């Protein structure tokens, strides 16, 4: 069971890092260089999505590390 959890954690981390790299080094700059209003709105939406995903990952890590921190 430990190997399965470790595999899922590593897969999630790899996908998150891959998505972050693609966004900041490929898709995001391309949208900003295009300069149209539609591309800029997509860039803004993508950045908001990335921020929400990052916040969710941080909350998940904190809740996993300290499952009783919020409850009494």
Protein backbone atom coordinates (compact mmCIF):
# COMPACT_ATOMS: atom_id res chain seq x y z
CA UNK A 1 0.00 0.00 0.00
CA UNK A 2 2.90 2.35 0.72
CA UNK A 3 4.29 1.85 -2.80
CA UNK A 4 0.93 2.80 -4.31
CA UNK A 5 0.70 6.01 -2.27
CA UNK A 6 4.30 6.91 -3.10
CA UNK A 7 3.66 6.31 -6.79
CA UNK A 8 0.57 8.53 -6.76
CA UNK A 9 2.39 11.29 -4.88
CA UNK A 10 5.33 11.21 -7.28
CA UNK A 11 3.02 11.12 -10.29
CA UNK A 12 1.07 14.10 -8.97
CA UNK A 13 4.26 16.05 -8.29
CA UNK A 14 5.59 15.25 -11.75
CA UNK A 15 2.35 16.33 -13.44
CA UNK A 16 2.23 19.53 -11.40
CA UNK A 17 5.85 20.41 -12.24
CA UNK A 18 5.31 19.56 -15.90
CA UNK A 19 2.19 21.73 -16.04
CA UNK A 20 3.96 24.59 -14.30
CA UNK A 21 6.91 24.41 -16.66
CA UNK A 22 4.66 24.27 -19.73
CA UNK A 23 2.66 27.23 -18.53
CA UNK A 24 5.57 29.51 -17.62
CA UNK A 25 8.01 28.58 -20.38
CA UNK A 26 5.77 27.74 -23.34
CA UNK A 27 2.05 28.54 -23.25
CA UNK A 28 2.06 31.68 -21.09
CA UNK A 29 4.78 33.55 -23.01
CA UNK A 30 3.17 32.56 -26.33
CA UNK A 31 -0.16 34.01 -25.24
CA UNK A 32 1.47 37.22 -24.01
CA UNK A 33 3.48 37.60 -27.22
CA UNK A 34 0.34 37.19 -29.32
CA UNK A 35 -1.08 40.34 -27.75
CA UNK A 36 -4.71 39.98 -28.76
CA UNK A 37 -7.40 40.62 -26.20
CA UNK A 38 -8.55 37.00 -26.35
CA UNK A 39 -5.00 35.69 -25.78
CA UNK A 40 -4.49 38.04 -22.83
CA UNK A 41 -7.75 36.86 -21.26
CA UNK A 42 -6.63 33.24 -21.71
CA UNK A 43 -3.28 34.13 -20.13
CA UNK A 44 -5.04 35.74 -17.17
CA UNK A 45 -7.39 32.77 -16.79
CA UNK A 46 -4.52 30.30 -17.01
CA UNK A 47 -2.54 32.18 -14.38
CA UNK A 48 -5.58 32.24 -12.07
CA UNK A 49 -6.03 28.51 -12.61
CA UNK A 50 -2.37 27.89 -11.82
CA UNK A 51 -2.61 29.96 -8.62
CA UNK A 52 -5.72 28.10 -7.46
CA UNK A 53 -4.06 24.76 -8.20
CA UNK A 54 -0.94 25.79 -6.28
CA UNK A 55 -3.05 26.89 -3.31
CA UNK A 56 -4.97 23.60 -3.40
CA UNK A 57 -1.75 21.58 -3.47
CA UNK A 58 -0.38 23.56 -0.52
CA UNK A 59 -3.57 23.01 1.49
CA UNK A 60 -3.53 19.29 0.64
CA UNK A 61 0.09 18.96 1.79
CA UNK A 62 -0.62 20.79 5.05
CA UNK A 63 -3.77 18.74 5.76
CA UNK A 64 -1.91 15.50 5.03
CA UNK A 65 1.02 16.43 7.25
CA UNK A 66 -1.15 17.64 10.15
CA UNK A 67 -4.61 16.06 9.85
CA UNK A 68 -5.78 17.23 13.31
CA UNK A 69 -4.51 20.82 13.12
CA UNK A 70 -7.93 22.39 12.42
CA UNK A 71 -10.17 20.22 14.57
CA UNK A 72 -10.21 19.99 18.33
